[in-house]
């Protein structure tokens, strides 16, 4: 189950001595914990952030909005309508896109490439029909609230807590010595923690899965 956000807030108050609402309101405490949570989510790969969606293209439309919430695109593929095979789309630069793009409707075809522009994905060439795209991307996890608990492995909940502690010491208490001490301790916890994604990918492309092939005499 891990540590609930309400428990993290209680531990934050106890560790910093900011027990009264006049010293640190619940909203201030939750914000400090969220600042820690946001930093951790941004820096480390968590499986909880991975999302896969499919969506259709529209003939003659090349611009498609990224899902929300959205952090980064991992993979984009198109489903071949003839054999249902998935073909990855190649990402190209804006310069290459502008050199190759042609607004003539006769140049429309099944997309093979794409670029990212802000919150949009531009396909190339412009689709000539309805196709199915498969997108894998990193999302942004919901913020912590008294009703929303950390959505990451339990071993990282204490790391979130100490991220809130060092921020409380610095931002509320103005105590940089204890703040940096708490920050260094948080870093030591991070150094000994590994996100699930990293565990699965480290020198193990099949993530521990093995196909047993029967042998015959």
N, C-alpha and C. Protein backbone atom coordinates (compact mmCIF):
# COMPACT_ATOMS: atom_id res chain seq x y z
N UNK A 1 0.82 -1.20 0.00
CA UNK A 1 0.00 0.00 0.00
C UNK A 1 0.86 1.25 0.00
N UNK A 2 2.01 1.21 0.63
CA UNK A 2 2.87 2.37 0.68
C UNK A 2 2.41 3.38 1.71
N UNK A 3 2.92 4.60 1.60
CA UNK A 3 2.58 5.66 2.55
C UNK A 3 1.52 6.57 1.93
N UNK A 4 0.43 6.78 2.63
CA UNK A 4 -0.63 7.66 2.14
C UNK A 4 -0.15 9.11 2.17
N UNK A 5 -0.75 9.93 1.34
CA UNK A 5 -0.37 11.34 1.32
C UNK A 5 -0.62 12.00 2.68
N UNK A 6 -1.71 11.64 3.33
CA UNK A 6 -2.00 12.19 4.66
C UNK A 6 -0.92 11.79 5.66
N UNK A 7 -0.39 10.58 5.51
CA UNK A 7 0.70 10.13 6.39
C UNK A 7 1.99 10.86 6.06
N UNK A 8 2.23 11.09 4.77
CA UNK A 8 3.42 11.86 4.38
C UNK A 8 3.36 13.27 4.97
N UNK A 9 2.18 13.86 4.94
CA UNK A 9 2.01 15.21 5.50
C UNK A 9 2.28 15.20 7.00
N UNK A 10 1.78 14.18 7.69
CA UNK A 10 2.01 14.08 9.13
C UNK A 10 3.49 13.90 9.44
N UNK A 11 4.17 13.04 8.65
CA UNK A 11 5.60 12.82 8.85
C UNK A 11 6.40 14.09 8.53
N UNK A 12 5.95 14.84 7.53
CA UNK A 12 6.61 16.09 7.17
C UNK A 12 6.54 17.08 8.33
N UNK A 13 5.38 17.17 8.95
CA UNK A 13 5.22 18.07 10.10
C UNK A 13 6.12 17.64 11.26
N UNK A 14 6.14 16.36 11.55
CA UNK A 14 6.92 15.85 12.67
C UNK A 14 8.41 16.06 12.44
N UNK A 15 8.89 15.79 11.23
CA UNK A 15 10.32 15.88 10.93
C UNK A 15 10.83 17.32 10.97
N UNK A 16 9.97 18.27 10.60
CA UNK A 16 10.39 19.67 10.54
C UNK A 16 10.00 20.46 11.79
N UNK A 17 9.14 19.89 12.61
CA UNK A 17 8.68 20.61 13.80
C UNK A 17 7.60 21.63 13.49
N UNK A 18 7.09 21.64 12.26
CA UNK A 18 6.05 22.59 11.86
C UNK A 18 4.68 21.94 12.09
N UNK A 19 4.34 21.76 13.34
CA UNK A 19 3.16 20.99 13.71
C UNK A 19 1.87 21.79 13.59
N UNK A 20 1.94 23.07 13.82
CA UNK A 20 0.73 23.89 13.82
C UNK A 20 0.41 24.42 12.42
N UNK A 21 -0.89 24.63 12.20
CA UNK A 21 -1.32 25.16 10.91
C UNK A 21 -0.78 26.57 10.68
N UNK A 22 -0.50 27.29 11.78
CA UNK A 22 0.08 28.63 11.62
C UNK A 22 1.51 28.56 11.10
N UNK A 23 2.20 27.44 11.41
CA UNK A 23 3.58 27.26 10.93
C UNK A 23 3.60 26.77 9.48
N UNK A 24 2.72 25.84 9.17
CA UNK A 24 2.63 25.30 7.81
C UNK A 24 1.22 24.77 7.61
N UNK A 25 0.48 25.36 6.70
CA UNK A 25 -0.87 24.89 6.42
C UNK A 25 -0.83 23.56 5.68
N UNK A 26 -1.95 22.86 5.65
CA UNK A 26 -2.02 21.61 4.90
C UNK A 26 -1.71 21.86 3.42
N UNK A 27 -2.22 22.96 2.89
CA UNK A 27 -1.99 23.28 1.47
C UNK A 27 -0.51 23.50 1.19
N UNK A 28 0.18 24.17 2.12
CA UNK A 28 1.62 24.39 1.95
C UNK A 28 2.38 23.08 2.02
N UNK A 29 1.98 22.22 2.95
CA UNK A 29 2.65 20.93 3.08
C UNK A 29 2.44 20.05 1.86
N UNK A 30 1.21 20.01 1.34
CA UNK A 30 0.92 19.22 0.14
C UNK A 30 1.70 19.77 -1.05
N UNK A 31 1.82 21.09 -1.14
CA UNK A 31 2.57 21.69 -2.25
C UNK A 31 4.04 21.29 -2.18
N UNK A 32 4.62 21.30 -0.98
CA UNK A 32 6.02 20.89 -0.83
C UNK A 32 6.22 19.44 -1.25
N UNK A 33 5.29 18.58 -0.86
CA UNK A 33 5.37 17.17 -1.25
C UNK A 33 5.20 17.02 -2.76
N UNK A 34 4.31 17.83 -3.35
CA UNK A 34 4.12 17.77 -4.81
C UNK A 34 5.35 18.27 -5.55
N UNK A 35 6.03 19.29 -5.02
CA UNK A 35 7.26 19.75 -5.65
C UNK A 35 8.29 18.63 -5.69
N UNK A 36 8.37 17.85 -4.63
CA UNK A 36 9.26 16.70 -4.59
C UNK A 36 8.81 15.64 -5.59
N UNK A 37 7.51 15.38 -5.61
CA UNK A 37 6.90 14.38 -6.50
C UNK A 37 7.14 14.75 -7.96
N UNK A 38 6.93 16.02 -8.30
CA UNK A 38 7.12 16.47 -9.69
C UNK A 38 8.57 16.29 -10.14
N UNK A 39 9.50 16.64 -9.27
CA UNK A 39 10.92 16.52 -9.62
C UNK A 39 11.30 15.08 -9.87
N UNK A 40 10.83 14.18 -9.01
CA UNK A 40 11.15 12.76 -9.16
C UNK A 40 10.55 12.20 -10.44
N UNK A 41 9.29 12.55 -10.71
CA UNK A 41 8.63 12.07 -11.93
C UNK A 41 9.36 12.53 -13.18
N UNK A 42 9.87 13.77 -13.14
CA UNK A 42 10.53 14.34 -14.31
C UNK A 42 11.89 13.71 -14.58
N UNK A 43 12.58 13.30 -13.51
CA UNK A 43 13.96 12.84 -13.66
C UNK A 43 14.10 11.34 -13.90
N UNK A 44 13.13 10.54 -13.45
CA UNK A 44 13.33 9.09 -13.47
C UNK A 44 12.21 8.39 -14.23
N UNK A 45 12.56 7.28 -14.92
CA UNK A 45 11.56 6.56 -15.71
C UNK A 45 10.73 5.60 -14.85
N UNK A 46 9.46 5.82 -14.79
CA UNK A 46 8.55 4.96 -14.04
C UNK A 46 7.55 4.32 -15.00
N UNK A 47 7.32 3.03 -14.82
CA UNK A 47 6.36 2.33 -15.68
C UNK A 47 4.96 2.92 -15.55
N UNK A 48 4.67 3.50 -14.37
CA UNK A 48 3.36 4.08 -14.13
C UNK A 48 3.06 5.24 -15.08
N UNK A 49 4.09 5.82 -15.69
CA UNK A 49 3.91 6.96 -16.60
C UNK A 49 3.66 6.51 -18.04
N UNK A 50 3.83 5.24 -18.32
CA UNK A 50 3.74 4.76 -19.70
C UNK A 50 2.28 4.52 -20.09
N UNK A 51 1.90 5.05 -21.24
CA UNK A 51 0.54 4.91 -21.74
C UNK A 51 0.59 4.51 -23.22
N UNK A 52 -0.39 3.70 -23.63
CA UNK A 52 -0.52 3.31 -25.03
C UNK A 52 -1.94 3.61 -25.48
N UNK A 53 -2.08 4.34 -26.58
CA UNK A 53 -3.40 4.66 -27.12
C UNK A 53 -3.40 4.43 -28.62
N UNK A 54 -4.58 4.24 -29.18
CA UNK A 54 -4.75 4.18 -30.63
C UNK A 54 -5.77 5.24 -31.03
N UNK A 55 -5.59 5.81 -32.20
CA UNK A 55 -6.55 6.80 -32.68
C UNK A 55 -6.52 6.80 -34.21
N UNK A 56 -7.63 7.19 -34.84
CA UNK A 56 -7.71 7.18 -36.31
C UNK A 56 -7.23 8.48 -36.92
N UNK A 57 -6.70 8.38 -38.12
CA UNK A 57 -6.39 9.58 -38.89
C UNK A 57 -7.62 9.96 -39.71
N UNK A 58 -7.58 11.16 -40.25
CA UNK A 58 -8.66 11.64 -41.12
C UNK A 58 -8.04 12.01 -42.46
N UNK A 59 -8.63 11.56 -43.54
CA UNK A 59 -8.10 11.86 -44.87
C UNK A 59 -7.99 13.37 -45.06
N UNK A 60 -6.79 13.82 -45.45
CA UNK A 60 -6.56 15.23 -45.70
C UNK A 60 -6.14 16.03 -44.48
N UNK A 61 -6.05 15.39 -43.31
CA UNK A 61 -5.66 16.09 -42.07
C UNK A 61 -4.28 15.59 -41.64
N UNK A 62 -3.35 16.51 -41.47
CA UNK A 62 -1.99 16.12 -41.09
C UNK A 62 -1.66 16.45 -39.64
N UNK A 63 -2.42 17.36 -38.98
CA UNK A 63 -2.14 17.79 -37.61
C UNK A 63 -3.02 17.04 -36.62
N UNK A 64 -2.39 16.49 -35.56
CA UNK A 64 -3.14 15.77 -34.53
C UNK A 64 -2.63 16.21 -33.16
N UNK A 65 -3.55 16.53 -32.27
CA UNK A 65 -3.18 16.97 -30.93
C UNK A 65 -2.68 15.82 -30.09
N UNK A 66 -1.65 16.09 -29.29
CA UNK A 66 -1.15 15.09 -28.35
C UNK A 66 -2.17 14.90 -27.24
N UNK A 67 -2.23 13.70 -26.64
CA UNK A 67 -3.17 13.48 -25.54
C UNK A 67 -2.83 14.38 -24.35
N UNK A 68 -3.78 14.55 -23.47
CA UNK A 68 -3.54 15.31 -22.23
C UNK A 68 -3.97 14.46 -21.03
N UNK A 69 -3.18 14.46 -19.98
CA UNK A 69 -1.87 15.13 -19.85
C UNK A 69 -0.81 14.39 -20.66
N UNK A 70 0.25 15.09 -21.04
CA UNK A 70 1.26 14.54 -21.93
C UNK A 70 2.62 15.08 -21.53
N UNK A 71 3.60 14.17 -21.46
CA UNK A 71 4.97 14.59 -21.14
C UNK A 71 5.91 14.45 -22.32
N UNK A 72 5.95 13.24 -22.92
CA UNK A 72 6.88 13.01 -24.03
C UNK A 72 6.41 11.82 -24.87
N UNK A 73 6.66 11.93 -26.16
CA UNK A 73 6.31 10.86 -27.09
C UNK A 73 7.41 9.81 -27.11
N UNK A 74 7.03 8.54 -26.98
CA UNK A 74 8.00 7.45 -26.99
C UNK A 74 8.04 6.72 -28.33
N UNK A 75 6.88 6.53 -28.94
CA UNK A 75 6.83 5.67 -30.13
C UNK A 75 5.53 5.94 -30.87
N UNK A 76 5.61 5.95 -32.20
CA UNK A 76 4.42 6.16 -33.03
C UNK A 76 4.48 5.18 -34.19
N UNK A 77 3.39 4.44 -34.38
CA UNK A 77 3.34 3.45 -35.46
C UNK A 77 1.98 3.51 -36.14
N UNK A 78 1.94 3.06 -37.39
CA UNK A 78 0.70 3.04 -38.15
C UNK A 78 0.34 1.60 -38.47
N UNK A 79 -0.95 1.30 -38.42
CA UNK A 79 -1.42 -0.05 -38.70
C UNK A 79 -1.68 -0.17 -40.20
N UNK A 80 -0.98 -1.09 -40.82
CA UNK A 80 -1.15 -1.31 -42.26
C UNK A 80 -2.54 -1.89 -42.52
N UNK A 81 -3.35 -1.22 -43.31
CA UNK A 81 -4.73 -1.70 -43.52
C UNK A 81 -4.81 -3.02 -44.28
N UNK A 82 -3.74 -3.40 -44.97
CA UNK A 82 -3.78 -4.64 -45.75
C UNK A 82 -3.50 -5.88 -44.89
N UNK A 83 -2.48 -5.76 -44.02
CA UNK A 83 -2.13 -6.95 -43.23
C UNK A 83 -2.17 -6.74 -41.74
N UNK A 84 -2.59 -5.56 -41.30
CA UNK A 84 -2.67 -5.22 -39.87
C UNK A 84 -1.31 -5.19 -39.18
N UNK A 85 -0.23 -5.19 -39.96
CA UNK A 85 1.11 -5.08 -39.36
C UNK A 85 1.33 -3.65 -38.89
N UNK A 86 2.09 -3.50 -37.81
CA UNK A 86 2.39 -2.17 -37.27
C UNK A 86 3.74 -1.71 -37.82
N UNK A 87 3.77 -0.55 -38.45
CA UNK A 87 4.99 0.01 -39.02
C UNK A 87 5.36 1.29 -38.27
N UNK A 88 6.51 1.32 -37.60
CA UNK A 88 6.92 2.53 -36.88
C UNK A 88 7.10 3.70 -37.84
N UNK A 89 6.72 4.89 -37.39
CA UNK A 89 6.93 6.11 -38.15
C UNK A 89 8.26 6.73 -37.71
N UNK A 90 9.00 7.25 -38.68
CA UNK A 90 10.29 7.87 -38.38
C UNK A 90 10.09 9.35 -38.03
N UNK A 91 10.76 9.79 -36.98
CA UNK A 91 10.71 11.20 -36.63
C UNK A 91 11.73 11.97 -37.46
N UNK A 92 11.31 13.09 -38.04
CA UNK A 92 12.21 13.90 -38.86
C UNK A 92 12.26 15.33 -38.30
N UNK A 93 13.21 16.10 -38.77
CA UNK A 93 13.36 17.48 -38.31
C UNK A 93 12.39 18.39 -39.06
N UNK A 94 12.19 19.58 -38.49
CA UNK A 94 11.33 20.56 -39.15
C UNK A 94 11.87 20.94 -40.52
N UNK A 95 13.19 21.01 -40.63
CA UNK A 95 13.82 21.38 -41.90
C UNK A 95 13.53 20.33 -42.98
N UNK A 96 13.68 19.06 -42.63
CA UNK A 96 13.40 17.99 -43.59
C UNK A 96 11.91 17.98 -43.95
N UNK A 97 11.08 18.20 -42.94
CA UNK A 97 9.64 18.20 -43.19
C UNK A 97 9.26 19.28 -44.21
N UNK A 98 9.78 20.48 -44.03
CA UNK A 98 9.44 21.58 -44.93
C UNK A 98 9.99 21.35 -46.33
N UNK A 99 11.11 20.66 -46.43
CA UNK A 99 11.68 20.38 -47.75
C UNK A 99 10.85 19.34 -48.51
N UNK A 100 10.26 18.40 -47.77
CA UNK A 100 9.55 17.29 -48.41
C UNK A 100 8.04 17.52 -48.50
N UNK A 101 7.49 18.38 -47.63
CA UNK A 101 6.03 18.53 -47.59
C UNK A 101 5.50 19.21 -48.84
N UNK A 102 4.37 18.70 -49.34
CA UNK A 102 3.72 19.25 -50.52
C UNK A 102 2.22 19.29 -50.23
N UNK A 103 1.60 20.47 -50.39
CA UNK A 103 0.18 20.63 -50.08
C UNK A 103 -0.73 20.05 -51.16
N UNK A 104 -0.18 19.64 -52.27
CA UNK A 104 -0.99 19.06 -53.35
C UNK A 104 -1.68 17.81 -52.84
N UNK A 105 -2.99 17.72 -53.05
CA UNK A 105 -3.76 16.56 -52.58
C UNK A 105 -3.30 15.27 -53.26
N UNK A 106 -2.68 15.38 -54.42
CA UNK A 106 -2.19 14.18 -55.12
C UNK A 106 -1.01 13.55 -54.38
N UNK A 107 -0.39 14.31 -53.46
CA UNK A 107 0.77 13.80 -52.73
C UNK A 107 0.38 13.09 -51.44
N UNK A 108 -0.90 13.00 -51.14
CA UNK A 108 -1.35 12.32 -49.95
C UNK A 108 -1.15 10.81 -50.08
N UNK A 109 -0.81 10.18 -48.96
CA UNK A 109 -0.56 8.74 -48.97
C UNK A 109 -0.55 8.25 -47.52
N UNK A 110 -0.20 6.99 -47.33
CA UNK A 110 -0.09 6.45 -45.98
C UNK A 110 1.12 7.08 -45.29
N UNK A 111 0.97 7.67 -44.11
CA UNK A 111 2.09 8.36 -43.45
C UNK A 111 3.24 7.41 -43.12
N UNK A 112 4.45 7.91 -43.27
CA UNK A 112 5.65 7.14 -42.94
C UNK A 112 6.57 7.89 -41.97
N UNK A 113 6.30 9.22 -41.78
CA UNK A 113 7.17 10.03 -40.95
C UNK A 113 6.31 11.01 -40.14
N UNK A 114 6.94 11.68 -39.18
CA UNK A 114 6.22 12.69 -38.40
C UNK A 114 7.21 13.65 -37.77
N UNK A 115 6.69 14.80 -37.32
CA UNK A 115 7.46 15.72 -36.48
C UNK A 115 6.57 16.15 -35.32
N UNK A 116 7.21 16.62 -34.24
CA UNK A 116 6.49 17.18 -33.10
C UNK A 116 6.61 18.69 -33.15
N UNK A 117 5.48 19.38 -33.01
CA UNK A 117 5.47 20.84 -32.93
C UNK A 117 4.58 21.23 -31.77
N UNK A 118 5.19 21.64 -30.66
CA UNK A 118 4.40 22.00 -29.49
C UNK A 118 3.58 20.81 -29.01
N UNK A 119 2.28 20.99 -28.96
CA UNK A 119 1.38 19.91 -28.50
C UNK A 119 0.76 19.16 -29.68
N UNK A 120 1.34 19.30 -30.86
CA UNK A 120 0.78 18.65 -32.03
C UNK A 120 1.79 17.71 -32.68
N UNK A 121 1.24 16.71 -33.38
CA UNK A 121 2.02 15.77 -34.17
C UNK A 121 1.62 15.98 -35.63
N UNK A 122 2.61 16.23 -36.49
CA UNK A 122 2.35 16.44 -37.91
C UNK A 122 2.82 15.22 -38.68
N UNK A 123 1.89 14.62 -39.43
CA UNK A 123 2.20 13.42 -40.19
C UNK A 123 2.69 13.77 -41.59
N UNK A 124 3.56 12.90 -42.11
CA UNK A 124 4.04 13.06 -43.49
C UNK A 124 4.13 11.70 -44.16
N UNK A 125 3.59 11.55 -45.36
CA UNK A 125 2.75 12.55 -46.03
C UNK A 125 1.37 12.66 -45.37
N UNK A 126 0.61 13.65 -45.77
CA UNK A 126 -0.74 13.82 -45.25
C UNK A 126 -1.56 12.57 -45.60
N UNK A 127 -2.29 12.00 -44.64
CA UNK A 127 -3.06 10.78 -44.91
C UNK A 127 -4.05 10.95 -46.06
N UNK A 128 -4.12 9.93 -46.90
CA UNK A 128 -5.08 9.94 -48.00
C UNK A 128 -6.35 9.18 -47.65
N UNK A 129 -6.36 8.59 -46.45
CA UNK A 129 -7.51 7.80 -46.01
C UNK A 129 -7.46 7.70 -44.48
N UNK A 130 -8.41 6.98 -43.92
CA UNK A 130 -8.43 6.76 -42.47
C UNK A 130 -7.53 5.58 -42.13
N UNK A 131 -6.53 5.84 -41.29
CA UNK A 131 -5.62 4.81 -40.80
C UNK A 131 -5.66 4.81 -39.28
N UNK A 132 -5.16 3.73 -38.70
CA UNK A 132 -5.09 3.65 -37.24
C UNK A 132 -3.66 3.86 -36.80
N UNK A 133 -3.45 4.82 -35.88
CA UNK A 133 -2.13 5.08 -35.32
C UNK A 133 -2.07 4.53 -33.90
N UNK A 134 -0.92 3.97 -33.56
CA UNK A 134 -0.66 3.50 -32.21
C UNK A 134 0.42 4.38 -31.60
N UNK A 135 0.11 4.98 -30.46
CA UNK A 135 1.06 5.90 -29.82
C UNK A 135 1.40 5.40 -28.42
N UNK A 136 2.71 5.40 -28.13
CA UNK A 136 3.17 5.15 -26.77
C UNK A 136 3.84 6.43 -26.27
N UNK A 137 3.45 6.85 -25.07
CA UNK A 137 3.99 8.11 -24.56
C UNK A 137 4.05 8.08 -23.04
N UNK A 138 4.77 9.06 -22.50
CA UNK A 138 4.83 9.26 -21.06
C UNK A 138 3.79 10.30 -20.68
N UNK A 139 2.95 9.96 -19.70
CA UNK A 139 1.97 10.89 -19.21
C UNK A 139 2.48 11.55 -17.94
N UNK A 140 1.72 12.50 -17.42
CA UNK A 140 2.02 13.14 -16.14
C UNK A 140 1.06 12.58 -15.10
N UNK A 141 1.60 12.06 -14.02
CA UNK A 141 0.76 11.46 -12.99
C UNK A 141 0.00 12.55 -12.23
N UNK A 142 -1.15 12.16 -11.69
CA UNK A 142 -1.98 13.11 -10.95
C UNK A 142 -1.24 13.63 -9.72
N UNK A 143 -1.47 14.90 -9.41
CA UNK A 143 -0.84 15.51 -8.24
C UNK A 143 -1.31 14.83 -6.95
N UNK A 144 -0.49 14.96 -5.92
CA UNK A 144 -0.85 14.45 -4.61
C UNK A 144 -1.90 15.34 -3.96
N UNK A 145 -2.89 14.73 -3.36
CA UNK A 145 -3.89 15.43 -2.55
C UNK A 145 -4.17 14.54 -1.35
N UNK A 146 -5.01 15.02 -0.45
CA UNK A 146 -5.36 14.18 0.70
C UNK A 146 -6.14 12.94 0.26
N UNK A 147 -6.67 12.99 -0.96
CA UNK A 147 -7.41 11.84 -1.49
C UNK A 147 -6.63 11.11 -2.58
N UNK A 148 -5.48 11.66 -3.01
CA UNK A 148 -4.67 11.05 -4.07
C UNK A 148 -3.29 10.74 -3.52
N UNK A 149 -2.93 9.46 -3.51
CA UNK A 149 -1.66 9.01 -2.95
C UNK A 149 -0.62 8.83 -4.05
N UNK A 150 0.67 8.74 -3.69
CA UNK A 150 1.72 8.59 -4.71
C UNK A 150 1.51 7.37 -5.58
N UNK A 151 1.58 7.57 -6.89
CA UNK A 151 1.41 6.48 -7.85
C UNK A 151 2.77 6.05 -8.38
N UNK A 152 3.60 5.56 -7.49
CA UNK A 152 4.91 5.03 -7.86
C UNK A 152 5.31 3.98 -6.82
N UNK A 153 6.33 3.18 -7.08
CA UNK A 153 6.70 2.11 -6.15
C UNK A 153 6.88 2.61 -4.72
N UNK A 154 6.52 1.73 -3.77
CA UNK A 154 6.53 2.09 -2.35
C UNK A 154 7.88 2.60 -1.87
N UNK A 155 8.96 2.06 -2.41
CA UNK A 155 10.29 2.45 -1.94
C UNK A 155 10.59 3.92 -2.24
N UNK A 156 9.82 4.53 -3.14
CA UNK A 156 10.04 5.93 -3.50
C UNK A 156 9.22 6.89 -2.65
N UNK A 157 8.31 6.37 -1.84
CA UNK A 157 7.46 7.25 -1.02
C UNK A 157 8.28 8.00 0.02
N UNK A 158 9.25 7.33 0.61
CA UNK A 158 10.12 8.00 1.58
C UNK A 158 10.98 9.06 0.89
N UNK A 159 11.34 8.80 -0.35
CA UNK A 159 12.13 9.77 -1.12
C UNK A 159 11.30 11.03 -1.36
N UNK A 160 10.02 10.86 -1.66
CA UNK A 160 9.12 12.00 -1.80
C UNK A 160 9.09 12.80 -0.49
N UNK A 161 8.97 12.09 0.62
CA UNK A 161 8.91 12.74 1.93
C UNK A 161 10.13 13.62 2.18
N UNK A 162 11.33 13.08 1.95
CA UNK A 162 12.53 13.86 2.23
C UNK A 162 12.72 15.01 1.25
N UNK A 163 12.13 14.88 0.06
CA UNK A 163 12.12 16.02 -0.85
C UNK A 163 11.27 17.15 -0.30
N UNK A 164 10.18 16.78 0.38
CA UNK A 164 9.35 17.79 1.03
C UNK A 164 10.02 18.37 2.26
N UNK A 165 10.75 17.51 2.99
CA UNK A 165 11.40 17.96 4.23
C UNK A 165 12.45 19.03 3.93
N UNK A 166 13.35 18.76 2.96
CA UNK A 166 14.41 19.74 2.72
C UNK A 166 13.84 21.05 2.16
N UNK A 167 12.76 20.96 1.41
CA UNK A 167 12.14 22.18 0.91
C UNK A 167 11.48 22.97 2.05
N UNK A 168 10.87 22.26 3.00
CA UNK A 168 10.25 22.94 4.14
C UNK A 168 11.30 23.66 4.98
N UNK A 169 12.42 23.00 5.23
CA UNK A 169 13.48 23.63 6.01
C UNK A 169 13.97 24.92 5.34
N UNK A 170 14.13 24.86 4.01
CA UNK A 170 14.67 26.01 3.28
C UNK A 170 13.61 27.08 3.05
N UNK A 171 12.43 26.69 2.55
CA UNK A 171 11.43 27.66 2.13
C UNK A 171 10.65 28.26 3.29
N UNK A 172 10.40 27.47 4.34
CA UNK A 172 9.60 27.97 5.46
C UNK A 172 10.46 28.36 6.65
N UNK A 173 11.42 27.49 7.00
CA UNK A 173 12.25 27.76 8.18
C UNK A 173 13.44 28.64 7.88
N UNK A 174 13.84 28.70 6.62
CA UNK A 174 15.05 29.45 6.27
C UNK A 174 16.30 28.80 6.81
N UNK A 175 16.23 27.49 7.07
CA UNK A 175 17.35 26.74 7.64
C UNK A 175 18.02 25.94 6.53
N UNK A 176 19.05 26.54 5.92
CA UNK A 176 19.71 25.91 4.79
C UNK A 176 20.59 24.74 5.22
N UNK A 177 21.10 24.78 6.45
CA UNK A 177 21.96 23.70 6.93
C UNK A 177 21.16 22.40 7.05
N UNK A 178 20.05 22.45 7.78
CA UNK A 178 19.22 21.25 7.89
C UNK A 178 18.56 20.90 6.56
N UNK A 179 18.26 21.93 5.75
CA UNK A 179 17.68 21.66 4.45
C UNK A 179 18.62 20.87 3.55
N UNK A 180 19.88 21.29 3.52
CA UNK A 180 20.85 20.58 2.68
C UNK A 180 21.16 19.20 3.25
N UNK A 181 21.10 19.07 4.57
CA UNK A 181 21.30 17.75 5.17
C UNK A 181 20.21 16.79 4.75
N UNK A 182 18.95 17.27 4.77
CA UNK A 182 17.82 16.43 4.34
C UNK A 182 17.90 16.12 2.85
N UNK A 183 18.37 17.11 2.07
CA UNK A 183 18.50 16.89 0.63
C UNK A 183 19.56 15.84 0.33
N UNK A 184 20.67 15.89 1.05
CA UNK A 184 21.72 14.89 0.85
C UNK A 184 21.24 13.50 1.24
N UNK A 185 20.42 13.44 2.29
CA UNK A 185 19.88 12.13 2.69
C UNK A 185 18.91 11.61 1.64
N UNK A 186 18.11 12.51 1.07
CA UNK A 186 17.20 12.10 0.00
C UNK A 186 17.99 11.55 -1.18
N UNK A 187 19.09 12.21 -1.53
CA UNK A 187 19.91 11.75 -2.64
C UNK A 187 20.50 10.38 -2.37
N UNK A 188 20.87 10.11 -1.13
CA UNK A 188 21.41 8.78 -0.79
C UNK A 188 20.33 7.72 -0.96
N UNK A 189 19.08 8.06 -0.65
CA UNK A 189 17.98 7.12 -0.86
C UNK A 189 17.76 6.87 -2.36
N UNK A 190 17.85 7.94 -3.13
CA UNK A 190 17.67 7.82 -4.58
C UNK A 190 18.76 6.94 -5.18
N UNK A 191 19.99 7.10 -4.69
CA UNK A 191 21.11 6.34 -5.23
C UNK A 191 20.94 4.84 -5.04
N UNK A 192 20.13 4.46 -4.06
CA UNK A 192 19.92 3.04 -3.77
C UNK A 192 18.56 2.54 -4.26
N UNK A 193 17.85 3.38 -4.98
CA UNK A 193 16.54 2.99 -5.51
C UNK A 193 16.61 2.96 -7.02
N UNK A 194 15.92 1.99 -7.62
CA UNK A 194 15.93 1.86 -9.08
C UNK A 194 14.49 1.73 -9.55
N UNK A 195 14.03 2.61 -10.46
CA UNK A 195 12.67 2.47 -10.99
C UNK A 195 12.49 1.12 -11.67
N UNK A 196 11.26 0.63 -11.68
CA UNK A 196 10.96 -0.68 -12.27
C UNK A 196 11.41 -0.75 -13.71
N UNK A 197 11.20 0.32 -14.47
CA UNK A 197 11.59 0.32 -15.88
C UNK A 197 13.08 0.06 -16.03
N UNK A 198 13.88 0.72 -15.20
CA UNK A 198 15.32 0.53 -15.29
C UNK A 198 15.70 -0.90 -14.91
N UNK A 199 15.01 -1.47 -13.94
CA UNK A 199 15.28 -2.85 -13.55
C UNK A 199 15.03 -3.80 -14.71
N UNK A 200 13.95 -3.55 -15.45
CA UNK A 200 13.58 -4.46 -16.53
C UNK A 200 14.49 -4.31 -17.74
N UNK A 201 15.02 -3.09 -17.94
CA UNK A 201 15.80 -2.85 -19.15
C UNK A 201 17.28 -3.10 -18.97
N UNK A 202 17.78 -3.11 -17.76
CA UNK A 202 19.21 -3.23 -17.52
C UNK A 202 19.74 -4.60 -17.94
N UNK A 203 20.48 -4.62 -19.04
CA UNK A 203 21.11 -5.84 -19.53
C UNK A 203 20.13 -7.00 -19.67
N UNK A 204 18.87 -6.69 -19.95
CA UNK A 204 17.88 -7.75 -20.01
C UNK A 204 16.75 -7.35 -20.93
N UNK A 205 16.95 -7.42 -22.25
CA UNK A 205 15.95 -6.94 -23.18
C UNK A 205 14.63 -7.70 -23.13
N UNK A 206 14.63 -8.92 -22.59
CA UNK A 206 13.39 -9.70 -22.51
C UNK A 206 12.76 -9.62 -21.13
N UNK A 207 13.34 -8.78 -20.24
CA UNK A 207 12.77 -8.50 -18.92
C UNK A 207 12.45 -9.78 -18.15
N UNK A 208 13.33 -10.76 -18.23
CA UNK A 208 13.14 -11.96 -17.42
C UNK A 208 12.22 -12.99 -18.05
N UNK A 209 11.74 -12.75 -19.28
CA UNK A 209 10.85 -13.70 -19.93
C UNK A 209 11.66 -14.63 -20.81
N UNK A 210 11.33 -15.90 -20.75
CA UNK A 210 12.05 -16.89 -21.54
C UNK A 210 11.06 -17.86 -22.16
N UNK A 211 11.22 -18.12 -23.44
CA UNK A 211 10.37 -19.08 -24.13
C UNK A 211 11.01 -20.45 -24.02
N UNK A 212 10.30 -21.41 -23.46
CA UNK A 212 10.82 -22.77 -23.30
C UNK A 212 10.48 -23.57 -24.54
N UNK A 213 11.49 -23.96 -25.27
CA UNK A 213 11.31 -24.75 -26.49
C UNK A 213 11.50 -26.21 -26.18
N UNK A 214 10.50 -27.05 -26.42
CA UNK A 214 10.66 -28.48 -26.11
C UNK A 214 11.72 -29.12 -26.97
N UNK A 215 12.46 -30.04 -26.37
CA UNK A 215 13.48 -30.77 -27.12
C UNK A 215 12.97 -32.18 -27.40
N UNK A 216 13.34 -32.70 -28.53
CA UNK A 216 12.88 -34.00 -28.92
C UNK A 216 14.09 -34.91 -29.16
N UNK A 217 13.97 -36.18 -28.78
CA UNK A 217 15.10 -37.09 -28.99
C UNK A 217 15.35 -37.33 -30.47
